[in-house]
Amino acid sequence: MTRETTLDLLRAAAPGAVGAFNVIHLESAEAIAAGAEKAGGPAIMQISQNCVKYHGGLAPIARATIAVAEAAHVPIAVHLDHATELGLVTEAIDLGFDSVMYDGAHLDFAANCATTAEVVRRAHTHGIGVEAELGEIGGKDGAHAPGVRTNPSEAVDFVADTGVDALAVAVGSSHAMVERTSTLDLALIRRLDEVLSVPLVLHGSSGVAEDEISRAVTAGMRKINISTHLNRVFTASVRATLAAQTDLVDSRKYLGPAREAFAGEVAHLIEMLSGFAKPRDED
């Protein structure tokens, strides 16, 4: 299957959304592809700056992820997530990523605009889309204060000044949550969707209940980032297998079932975001 660009997937998503799932290791990349194939729908594989640090470099995990995406039988895009280092963005562009996210939310508005605009210039030269962030999203390294929201008028100026192709906005979600208790500002999402010409991105979706995510998609969200929730599914499976078979030494025998559980959850999430499955009640 020929890979699709992230922007093509997002443009085709309405009135649904595309799930963007983080790659941690090869098993998660394989699980995302398997889940997308099971659901018969597209997905975005994301590699974050934190993942790059874990692996000691971008190229090996990126090349493996791209290979898995290219072998899939459904449209899959490969995206660089939350990069604050410009060198990493350039490397991802050179490796052939379908899109990159430059996260300048830690900068003041003027500096964020100027730096993001330079990233857009570099990426667009290679036909690669750019996602940016405006209005810090809570929970990342404990640095973002709760209650932060993206200002619609600032968002309009930011998109116009930078030329970004998608915008991650702060609307009540928080990164790295292990409980799905966030309440989103749906009125703000609708307002941002009305005034912006680019797709909206929801980060920190692992902390948002499925019915709330569905409402956010209806309000205008087109890319839904989910990582921690899927890591919980994977880890729970590993724990269960090792608890049941305490003599296991072959890692494939516990990573394999975890990969299958991860894939099953990806399939459900894709179906839910596309409107083909109802949100599940939260435990």
C-alpha atoms as a PDB file:
ATOM      1  CA  MET A   1       0.000   0.000   0.000  1.00  0.00           C
ATOM      2  CA  THR A   2       1.388   3.398  -0.944  1.00  0.00           C
ATOM      3  CA  ARG A   3       1.845   5.602   2.101  1.00  0.00           C
ATOM      4  CA  GLU A   4      -0.491   8.549   2.410  1.00  0.00           C
ATOM      5  CA  THR A   5       0.546  11.986   3.565  1.00  0.00           C
ATOM      6  CA  THR A   6      -0.697  13.091   6.949  1.00  0.00           C
ATOM      7  CA  LEU A   7      -2.480  16.078   5.449  1.00  0.00           C
ATOM      8  CA  ASP A   8      -4.338  13.940   2.906  1.00  0.00           C
ATOM      9  CA  LEU A   9      -5.553  11.706   5.727  1.00  0.00           C
ATOM     10  CA  LEU A  10      -6.694  14.685   7.795  1.00  0.00           C
ATOM     11  CA  ARG A  11      -8.479  16.351   4.890  1.00  0.00           C
ATOM     12  CA  ALA A  12     -10.363  13.146   4.141  1.00  0.00           C
ATOM     13  CA  ALA A  13     -11.271  12.490   7.788  1.00  0.00           C
ATOM     14  CA  ALA A  14     -14.276  14.822   8.211  1.00  0.00           C
ATOM     15  CA  PRO A  15     -16.738  14.347   9.795  1.00  0.00           C
ATOM     16  CA  GLY A  16     -14.552  11.829  11.651  1.00  0.00           C
ATOM     17  CA  ALA A  17     -10.935  11.987  12.779  1.00  0.00           C
ATOM     18  CA  VAL A  18      -7.698  10.097  12.268  1.00  0.00           C
ATOM     19  CA  GLY A  19      -6.033   8.313  15.168  1.00  0.00           C
ATOM     20  CA  ALA A  20      -2.353   9.187  15.687  1.00  0.00           C
ATOM     21  CA  PHE A  21      -0.638   6.525  17.790  1.00  0.00           C
ATOM     22  CA  ASN A  22       2.860   6.756  19.210  1.00  0.00           C
ATOM     23  CA  VAL A  23       5.565   4.294  18.283  1.00  0.00           C
ATOM     24  CA  ILE A  24       7.661   3.291  21.279  1.00  0.00           C
ATOM     25  CA  HIS A  25       9.391   0.249  19.769  1.00  0.00           C
ATOM     26  CA  LEU A  26       8.996  -2.087  16.799  1.00  0.00           C
ATOM     27  CA  GLU A  27       6.160  -4.003  18.476  1.00  0.00           C
ATOM     28  CA  SER A  28       4.046  -0.851  18.740  1.00  0.00           C
ATOM     29  CA  ALA A  29       4.659   0.045  15.089  1.00  0.00           C
ATOM     30  CA  GLU A  30       3.606  -3.461  14.050  1.00  0.00           C
ATOM     31  CA  ALA A  31       0.566  -3.267  16.324  1.00  0.00           C
ATOM     32  CA  ILE A  32      -0.573   0.055  14.864  1.00  0.00           C
ATOM     33  CA  ALA A  33      -0.380  -1.369  11.344  1.00  0.00           C
ATOM     34  CA  ALA A  34      -2.187  -4.558  12.370  1.00  0.00           C
ATOM     35  CA  GLY A  35      -4.903  -2.596  14.167  1.00  0.00           C
ATOM     36  CA  ALA A  36      -5.422  -0.293  11.191  1.00  0.00           C
ATOM     37  CA  GLU A  37      -5.694  -3.276   8.859  1.00  0.00           C
ATOM     38  CA  LYS A  38      -8.193  -4.949  11.199  1.00  0.00           C
ATOM     39  CA  ALA A  39     -10.305  -1.781  11.252  1.00  0.00           C
ATOM     40  CA  GLY A  40      -9.866  -1.206   7.523  1.00  0.00           C
ATOM     41  CA  GLY A  41      -9.026   2.442   8.125  1.00  0.00           C
ATOM     42  CA  PRO A  42      -6.069   4.825   8.077  1.00  0.00           C
ATOM     43  CA  ALA A  43      -3.725   5.649  10.932  1.00  0.00           C
ATOM     44  CA  ILE A  44      -0.802   7.903  11.729  1.00  0.00           C
ATOM     45  CA  MET A  45       2.335   6.441  13.319  1.00  0.00           C
ATOM     46  CA  GLN A  46       4.095   9.011  15.505  1.00  0.00           C
ATOM     47  CA  ILE A  47       7.664   9.047  16.743  1.00  0.00           C
ATOM     48  CA  SER A  48       8.237  11.544  19.526  1.00  0.00           C
ATOM     49  CA  GLN A  49      11.411  13.279  20.610  1.00  0.00           C
ATOM     50  CA  ASN A  50      11.228  11.250  23.835  1.00  0.00           C
ATOM     51  CA  CYS A  51      11.170   8.041  21.774  1.00  0.00           C
ATOM     52  CA  VAL A  52      14.236   9.212  19.878  1.00  0.00           C
ATOM     53  CA  LYS A  53      16.067   9.801  23.149  1.00  0.00           C
ATOM     54  CA  TYR A  54      15.113   6.318  24.361  1.00  0.00           C
ATOM     55  CA  HIS A  55      16.539   4.690  21.236  1.00  0.00           C
ATOM     56  CA  GLY A  56      19.608   6.922  21.126  1.00  0.00           C
ATOM     57  CA  GLY A  57      18.810   8.295  17.674  1.00  0.00           C
ATOM     58  CA  LEU A  58      16.047   8.786  15.141  1.00  0.00           C
ATOM     59  CA  ALA A  59      17.195   6.875  12.072  1.00  0.00           C
ATOM     60  CA  PRO A  60      16.912   3.215  13.237  1.00  0.00           C
ATOM     61  CA  ILE A  61      13.414   3.448  14.735  1.00  0.00           C
ATOM     62  CA  ALA A  62      12.303   5.766  11.911  1.00  0.00           C
ATOM     63  CA  ARG A  63      13.451   3.436   9.151  1.00  0.00           C
ATOM     64  CA  ALA A  64      11.791   0.461  10.855  1.00  0.00           C
ATOM     65  CA  THR A  65       8.536   2.400  11.303  1.00  0.00           C
ATOM     66  CA  ILE A  66       8.540   3.605   7.707  1.00  0.00           C
ATOM     67  CA  ALA A  67       9.118   0.037   6.518  1.00  0.00           C
ATOM     68  CA  VAL A  68       6.147  -1.221   8.553  1.00  0.00           C
ATOM     69  CA  ALA A  69       3.973   1.611   7.214  1.00  0.00           C
ATOM     70  CA  GLU A  70       4.950   0.897   3.623  1.00  0.00           C
ATOM     71  CA  ALA A  71       4.111  -2.816   4.016  1.00  0.00           C
ATOM     72  CA  ALA A  72       0.634  -2.147   5.437  1.00  0.00           C
ATOM     73  CA  HIS A  73      -2.505  -2.727   3.374  1.00  0.00           C
ATOM     74  CA  VAL A  74      -4.218   0.460   4.572  1.00  0.00           C
ATOM     75  CA  PRO A  75      -3.108   4.114   4.341  1.00  0.00           C
ATOM     76  CA  ILE A  76      -0.585   4.981   7.047  1.00  0.00           C
ATOM     77  CA  ALA A  77       1.415   8.175   7.501  1.00  0.00           C
ATOM     78  CA  VAL A  78       4.562   8.614   9.591  1.00  0.00           C
ATOM     79  CA  HIS A  79       4.812  11.745  11.733  1.00  0.00           C
ATOM     80  CA  LEU A  80       7.422  13.327  14.014  1.00  0.00           C
ATOM     81  CA  ASP A  81       5.730  14.257  17.297  1.00  0.00           C
ATOM     82  CA  HIS A  82       6.659  17.035  19.764  1.00  0.00           C
ATOM     83  CA  ALA A  83      10.078  17.977  18.453  1.00  0.00           C
ATOM     84  CA  THR A  84      11.613  20.985  20.133  1.00  0.00           C
ATOM     85  CA  GLU A  85      15.016  20.499  18.492  1.00  0.00           C
ATOM     86  CA  LEU A  86      15.301  21.931  14.985  1.00  0.00           C
ATOM     87  CA  GLY A  87      18.001  19.442  14.081  1.00  0.00           C
ATOM     88  CA  LEU A  88      15.626  16.583  14.769  1.00  0.00           C
ATOM     89  CA  VAL A  89      13.001  18.168  12.517  1.00  0.00           C
ATOM     90  CA  THR A  90      15.537  18.468   9.707  1.00  0.00           C
ATOM     91  CA  GLU A  91      16.603  14.839  10.149  1.00  0.00           C
ATOM     92  CA  ALA A  92      12.977  13.667   9.977  1.00  0.00           C
ATOM     93  CA  ILE A  93      12.468  15.655   6.782  1.00  0.00           C
ATOM     94  CA  ASP A  94      15.572  14.075   5.272  1.00  0.00           C
ATOM     95  CA  LEU A  95      14.413  10.575   6.301  1.00  0.00           C
ATOM     96  CA  GLY A  96      11.138  11.044   4.423  1.00  0.00           C
ATOM     97  CA  PHE A  97       8.581  11.552   7.179  1.00  0.00           C
ATOM     98  CA  ASP A  98       5.117  12.505   5.931  1.00  0.00           C
ATOM     99  CA  SER A  99       4.789  15.334   8.445  1.00  0.00           C
ATOM    100  CA  VAL A 100       6.599  16.878  11.387  1.00  0.00           C
ATOM    101  CA  MET A 101       5.477  18.639  14.526  1.00  0.00           C
ATOM    102  CA  TYR A 102       7.586  21.493  15.781  1.00  0.00           C
ATOM    103  CA  ASP A 103       6.595  22.268  19.369  1.00  0.00           C
ATOM    104  CA  GLY A 104       7.430  25.889  20.112  1.00  0.00           C
ATOM    105  CA  ALA A 105       4.781  26.277  22.798  1.00  0.00           C
ATOM    106  CA  HIS A 106       7.514  26.941  25.378  1.00  0.00           C
ATOM    107  CA  LEU A 107       8.467  30.114  23.479  1.00  0.00           C
ATOM    108  CA  ASP A 108       6.701  33.456  23.590  1.00  0.00           C
ATOM    109  CA  PHE A 109       4.218  34.093  20.789  1.00  0.00           C
ATOM    110  CA  ALA A 110       6.592  36.052  18.531  1.00  0.00           C
ATOM    111  CA  ALA A 111       9.446  33.552  18.868  1.00  0.00           C
ATOM    112  CA  ASN A 112       7.079  30.617  18.352  1.00  0.00           C
ATOM    113  CA  CYS A 113       5.780  32.237  15.156  1.00  0.00           C
ATOM    114  CA  ALA A 114       9.242  33.001  13.790  1.00  0.00           C
ATOM    115  CA  THR A 115      10.735  29.572  14.511  1.00  0.00           C
ATOM    116  CA  THR A 116       7.672  27.675  13.333  1.00  0.00           C
ATOM    117  CA  ALA A 117       7.618  29.685  10.096  1.00  0.00           C
ATOM    118  CA  GLU A 118      11.215  28.628   9.418  1.00  0.00           C
ATOM    119  CA  VAL A 119      10.290  24.965  10.030  1.00  0.00           C
ATOM    120  CA  VAL A 120       7.368  25.343   7.629  1.00  0.00           C
ATOM    121  CA  ARG A 121       9.653  26.822   4.981  1.00  0.00           C
ATOM    122  CA  ARG A 122      12.096  23.907   5.263  1.00  0.00           C
ATOM    123  CA  ALA A 123       9.393  21.228   5.330  1.00  0.00           C
ATOM    124  CA  HIS A 124       7.298  22.642   2.488  1.00  0.00           C
ATOM    125  CA  THR A 125      10.401  22.689   0.278  1.00  0.00           C
ATOM    126  CA  HIS A 126      10.253  18.885   0.546  1.00  0.00           C
ATOM    127  CA  GLY A 127       6.465  18.618   0.306  1.00  0.00           C
ATOM    128  CA  ILE A 128       6.107  17.743   4.004  1.00  0.00           C
ATOM    129  CA  GLY A 129       3.325  19.080   6.225  1.00  0.00           C
ATOM    130  CA  VAL A 130       3.888  20.790   9.574  1.00  0.00           C
ATOM    131  CA  GLU A 131       1.903  20.625  12.794  1.00  0.00           C
ATOM    132  CA  ALA A 132       2.510  23.194  15.518  1.00  0.00           C
ATOM    133  CA  GLU A 133       1.165  23.903  18.989  1.00  0.00           C
ATOM    134  CA  LEU A 134      -0.361  27.048  20.449  1.00  0.00           C
ATOM    135  CA  GLY A 135      -1.520  27.342  24.023  1.00  0.00           C
ATOM    136  CA  GLU A 136       0.494  24.945  26.153  1.00  0.00           C
ATOM    137  CA  ILE A 137      -1.124  21.556  26.743  1.00  0.00           C
ATOM    138  CA  GLY A 138      -1.016  20.529  30.387  1.00  0.00           C
ATOM    139  CA  GLY A 139       1.038  17.805  31.984  1.00  0.00           C
ATOM    140  CA  LYS A 140       4.136  17.722  29.780  1.00  0.00           C
ATOM    141  CA  ASP A 141       7.057  17.342  32.213  1.00  0.00           C
ATOM    142  CA  GLY A 142       4.879  19.050  34.810  1.00  0.00           C
ATOM    143  CA  ALA A 143       5.638  22.419  33.216  1.00  0.00           C
ATOM    144  CA  HIS A 144       2.261  23.464  31.844  1.00  0.00           C
ATOM    145  CA  ALA A 145      -0.193  25.050  34.214  1.00  0.00           C
ATOM    146  CA  PRO A 146      -3.718  23.624  34.305  1.00  0.00           C
ATOM    147  CA  GLY A 147      -6.442  25.681  32.718  1.00  0.00           C
ATOM    148  CA  VAL A 148      -4.361  26.973  29.809  1.00  0.00           C
ATOM    149  CA  ARG A 149      -6.473  27.497  26.670  1.00  0.00           C
ATOM    150  CA  THR A 150      -5.672  28.478  23.090  1.00  0.00           C
ATOM    151  CA  ASN A 151      -6.905  31.955  22.230  1.00  0.00           C
ATOM    152  CA  PRO A 152      -8.848  31.877  18.912  1.00  0.00           C
ATOM    153  CA  SER A 153      -7.664  35.283  17.717  1.00  0.00           C
ATOM    154  CA  GLU A 154      -4.042  34.398  18.478  1.00  0.00           C
ATOM    155  CA  ALA A 155      -4.560  31.101  16.663  1.00  0.00           C
ATOM    156  CA  VAL A 156      -5.772  32.895  13.543  1.00  0.00           C
ATOM    157  CA  ASP A 157      -2.700  35.157  13.578  1.00  0.00           C
ATOM    158  CA  PHE A 158      -0.382  32.227  14.268  1.00  0.00           C
ATOM    159  CA  VAL A 159      -1.664  30.158  11.338  1.00  0.00           C
ATOM    160  CA  ALA A 160      -1.491  33.159   9.009  1.00  0.00           C
ATOM    161  CA  ASP A 161       2.022  34.147  10.116  1.00  0.00           C
ATOM    162  CA  THR A 162       3.532  30.640  10.028  1.00  0.00           C
ATOM    163  CA  GLY A 163       1.687  28.791   7.254  1.00  0.00           C
ATOM    164  CA  VAL A 164       1.312  25.656   9.385  1.00  0.00           C
ATOM    165  CA  ASP A 165      -0.836  22.827   8.056  1.00  0.00           C
ATOM    166  CA  ALA A 166      -2.360  21.600  11.346  1.00  0.00           C
ATOM    167  CA  LEU A 167      -2.623  23.080  14.814  1.00  0.00           C
ATOM    168  CA  ALA A 168      -2.548  21.361  18.206  1.00  0.00           C
ATOM    169  CA  VAL A 169      -4.668  23.389  20.595  1.00  0.00           C
ATOM    170  CA  ALA A 170      -5.082  23.528  24.365  1.00  0.00           C
ATOM    171  CA  VAL A 171      -8.724  22.788  25.157  1.00  0.00           C
ATOM    172  CA  GLY A 172      -8.586  20.902  28.475  1.00  0.00           C
ATOM    173  CA  SER A 173      -6.574  17.741  27.838  1.00  0.00           C
ATOM    174  CA  SER A 174      -3.289  16.836  29.507  1.00  0.00           C
ATOM    175  CA  HIS A 175      -0.361  14.634  28.523  1.00  0.00           C
ATOM    176  CA  ALA A 176       0.562  11.301  30.149  1.00  0.00           C
ATOM    177  CA  MET A 177      -2.676  10.833  32.104  1.00  0.00           C
ATOM    178  CA  VAL A 178      -3.443   7.277  33.231  1.00  0.00           C
ATOM    179  CA  GLU A 179      -7.078   8.020  34.113  1.00  0.00           C
ATOM    180  CA  ARG A 180      -9.585   9.253  31.522  1.00  0.00           C
ATOM    181  CA  THR A 181     -11.048  12.134  33.509  1.00  0.00           C
ATOM    182  CA  SER A 182     -10.335  15.275  31.438  1.00  0.00           C
ATOM    183  CA  THR A 183     -13.271  17.465  30.447  1.00  0.00           C
ATOM    184  CA  LEU A 184     -12.802  19.305  27.161  1.00  0.00           C
ATOM    185  CA  ASP A 185     -13.920  22.821  26.278  1.00  0.00           C
ATOM    186  CA  LEU A 186     -16.209  21.833  23.405  1.00  0.00           C
ATOM    187  CA  ALA A 187     -17.380  25.394  22.793  1.00  0.00           C
ATOM    188  CA  LEU A 188     -13.767  26.479  22.302  1.00  0.00           C
ATOM    189  CA  ILE A 189     -13.140  23.587  19.905  1.00  0.00           C
ATOM    190  CA  ARG A 190     -16.147  24.652  17.831  1.00  0.00           C
ATOM    191  CA  ARG A 191     -14.954  28.263  17.824  1.00  0.00           C
ATOM    192  CA  LEU A 192     -11.431  27.282  16.755  1.00  0.00           C
ATOM    193  CA  ASP A 193     -12.842  25.093  14.004  1.00  0.00           C
ATOM    194  CA  GLU A 194     -14.947  28.019  12.778  1.00  0.00           C
ATOM    195  CA  VAL A 195     -12.105  30.524  12.570  1.00  0.00           C
ATOM    196  CA  LEU A 196      -9.225  28.312  11.402  1.00  0.00           C
ATOM    197  CA  SER A 197      -8.660  26.836   7.971  1.00  0.00           C
ATOM    198  CA  VAL A 198      -6.345  24.031   9.168  1.00  0.00           C
ATOM    199  CA  PRO A 199      -7.183  20.735  10.915  1.00  0.00           C
ATOM    200  CA  LEU A 200      -7.278  20.783  14.713  1.00  0.00           C
ATOM    201  CA  VAL A 201      -5.221  18.302  16.733  1.00  0.00           C
ATOM    202  CA  LEU A 202      -6.050  16.974  20.214  1.00  0.00           C
ATOM    203  CA  HIS A 203      -3.021  16.008  22.276  1.00  0.00           C
ATOM    204  CA  GLY A 204      -3.278  14.218  25.614  1.00  0.00           C
ATOM    205  CA  SER A 205      -6.267  12.164  24.458  1.00  0.00           C
ATOM    206  CA  SER A 206      -5.377   9.209  26.706  1.00  0.00           C
ATOM    207  CA  GLY A 207      -6.832  11.207  29.590  1.00  0.00           C
ATOM    208  CA  VAL A 208     -10.146  11.799  27.797  1.00  0.00           C
ATOM    209  CA  ALA A 209     -13.082   9.378  27.925  1.00  0.00           C
ATOM    210  CA  GLU A 210     -14.223   7.955  24.599  1.00  0.00           C
ATOM    211  CA  ASP A 211     -17.603   9.676  24.603  1.00  0.00           C
ATOM    212  CA  GLU A 212     -15.841  13.006  25.262  1.00  0.00           C
ATOM    213  CA  ILE A 213     -13.422  12.310  22.393  1.00  0.00           C
ATOM    214  CA  SER A 214     -16.401  11.628  20.137  1.00  0.00           C
ATOM    215  CA  ARG A 215     -17.929  14.966  21.108  1.00  0.00           C
ATOM    216  CA  ALA A 216     -14.613  16.672  20.382  1.00  0.00           C
ATOM    217  CA  VAL A 217     -14.521  15.093  16.915  1.00  0.00           C
ATOM    218  CA  THR A 218     -18.063  16.284  16.275  1.00  0.00           C
ATOM    219  CA  ALA A 219     -16.973  19.768  17.400  1.00  0.00           C
ATOM    220  CA  GLY A 220     -14.117  19.832  14.890  1.00  0.00           C
ATOM    221  CA  MET A 221     -11.065  17.812  16.002  1.00  0.00           C
ATOM    222  CA  ARG A 222      -9.478  15.906  13.094  1.00  0.00           C
ATOM    223  CA  LYS A 223      -6.320  14.323  14.580  1.00  0.00           C
ATOM    224  CA  ILE A 224      -6.494  12.518  17.901  1.00  0.00           C
ATOM    225  CA  ASN A 225      -3.174  11.656  19.569  1.00  0.00           C
ATOM    226  CA  ILE A 226      -3.245   8.585  21.821  1.00  0.00           C
ATOM    227  CA  SER A 227      -0.186   7.043  23.479  1.00  0.00           C
ATOM    228  CA  THR A 228      -0.356   6.458  27.242  1.00  0.00           C
ATOM    229  CA  HIS A 229      -3.653   4.555  27.003  1.00  0.00           C
ATOM    230  CA  LEU A 230      -2.158   2.111  24.502  1.00  0.00           C
ATOM    231  CA  ASN A 231       0.982   1.731  26.620  1.00  0.00           C
ATOM    232  CA  ARG A 232      -1.262   0.746  29.517  1.00  0.00           C
ATOM    233  CA  VAL A 233      -2.947  -1.916  27.382  1.00  0.00           C
ATOM    234  CA  PHE A 234       0.426  -3.283  26.265  1.00  0.00           C
ATOM    235  CA  THR A 235       1.903  -3.323  29.770  1.00  0.00           C
ATOM    236  CA  ALA A 236      -1.189  -4.898  31.333  1.00  0.00           C
ATOM    237  CA  SER A 237      -0.926  -7.765  28.866  1.00  0.00           C
ATOM    238  CA  VAL A 238       2.778  -8.289  29.645  1.00  0.00           C
ATOM    239  CA  ARG A 239       2.039  -8.327  33.373  1.00  0.00           C
ATOM    240  CA  ALA A 240      -0.820 -10.798  32.963  1.00  0.00           C
ATOM    241  CA  THR A 241       1.233 -13.182  30.824  1.00  0.00           C
ATOM    242  CA  LEU A 242       4.222 -13.144  33.167  1.00  0.00           C
ATOM    243  CA  ALA A 243       2.013 -13.615  36.206  1.00  0.00           C
ATOM    244  CA  ALA A 244       0.336 -16.633  34.604  1.00  0.00           C
ATOM    245  CA  GLN A 245       3.600 -18.132  33.278  1.00  0.00           C
ATOM    246  CA  THR A 246       6.314 -17.328  35.772  1.00  0.00           C
ATOM    247  CA  ASP A 247       8.896 -19.550  34.031  1.00  0.00           C
ATOM    248  CA  LEU A 248       8.846 -17.639  30.705  1.00  0.00           C
ATOM    249  CA  VAL A 249      12.226 -16.522  29.395  1.00  0.00           C
ATOM    250  CA  ASP A 250      11.441 -16.003  25.686  1.00  0.00           C
ATOM    251  CA  SER A 251      10.385 -12.361  25.399  1.00  0.00           C
ATOM    252  CA  ARG A 252       8.418 -13.089  22.237  1.00  0.00           C
ATOM    253  CA  LYS A 253       5.954 -15.107  24.298  1.00  0.00           C
ATOM    254  CA  TYR A 254       4.875 -12.097  26.331  1.00  0.00           C
ATOM    255  CA  LEU A 255       5.553  -9.322  23.829  1.00  0.00           C
ATOM    256  CA  GLY A 256       3.521 -11.136  21.150  1.00  0.00           C
ATOM    257  CA  PRO A 257       0.253 -11.198  23.155  1.00  0.00           C
ATOM    258  CA  ALA A 258       0.880  -7.595  24.225  1.00  0.00           C
ATOM    259  CA  ARG A 259       1.291  -6.590  20.591  1.00  0.00           C
ATOM    260  CA  GLU A 260      -2.019  -8.298  19.783  1.00  0.00           C
ATOM    261  CA  ALA A 261      -3.791  -6.499  22.632  1.00  0.00           C
ATOM    262  CA  PHE A 262      -2.336  -3.165  21.475  1.00  0.00           C
ATOM    263  CA  ALA A 263      -3.496  -3.878  17.905  1.00  0.00           C
ATOM    264  CA  GLY A 264      -7.003  -4.739  19.048  1.00  0.00           C
ATOM    265  CA  GLU A 265      -7.287  -1.461  20.934  1.00  0.00           C
ATOM    266  CA  VAL A 266      -5.969   0.495  17.930  1.00  0.00           C
ATOM    267  CA  ALA A 267      -8.638  -1.152  15.750  1.00  0.00           C
ATOM    268  CA  HIS A 268     -11.372  -0.160  18.194  1.00  0.00           C
ATOM    269  CA  LEU A 269     -10.125   3.424  18.418  1.00  0.00           C
ATOM    270  CA  ILE A 270      -9.955   3.798  14.638  1.00  0.00           C
ATOM    271  CA  GLU A 271     -13.507   2.492  14.308  1.00  0.00           C
ATOM    272  CA  MET A 272     -14.696   4.810  17.074  1.00  0.00           C
ATOM    273  CA  LEU A 273     -13.034   7.866  15.534  1.00  0.00           C
ATOM    274  CA  SER A 274     -14.481   7.014  12.126  1.00  0.00           C
ATOM    275  CA  GLY A 275     -17.979   6.627  13.560  1.00  0.00           C
ATOM    276  CA  PHE A 276     -18.185   2.876  12.882  1.00  0.00           C
ATOM    277  CA  ALA A 277     -18.104   1.887  16.558  1.00  0.00           C
ATOM    278  CA  LYS A 278     -19.764   3.433  19.585  1.00  0.00           C
ATOM    279  CA  PRO A 279     -17.586   4.726  22.422  1.00  0.00           C
ATOM    280  CA  ARG A 280     -17.217   2.174  25.197  1.00  0.00           C
ATOM    281  CA  ASP A 281     -18.254   2.862  28.752  1.00  0.00           C
ATOM    282  CA  GLU A 282     -15.198   3.665  30.838  1.00  0.00           C
ATOM    283  CA  ASP A 283     -14.231   1.245  33.600  1.00  0.00           C
END
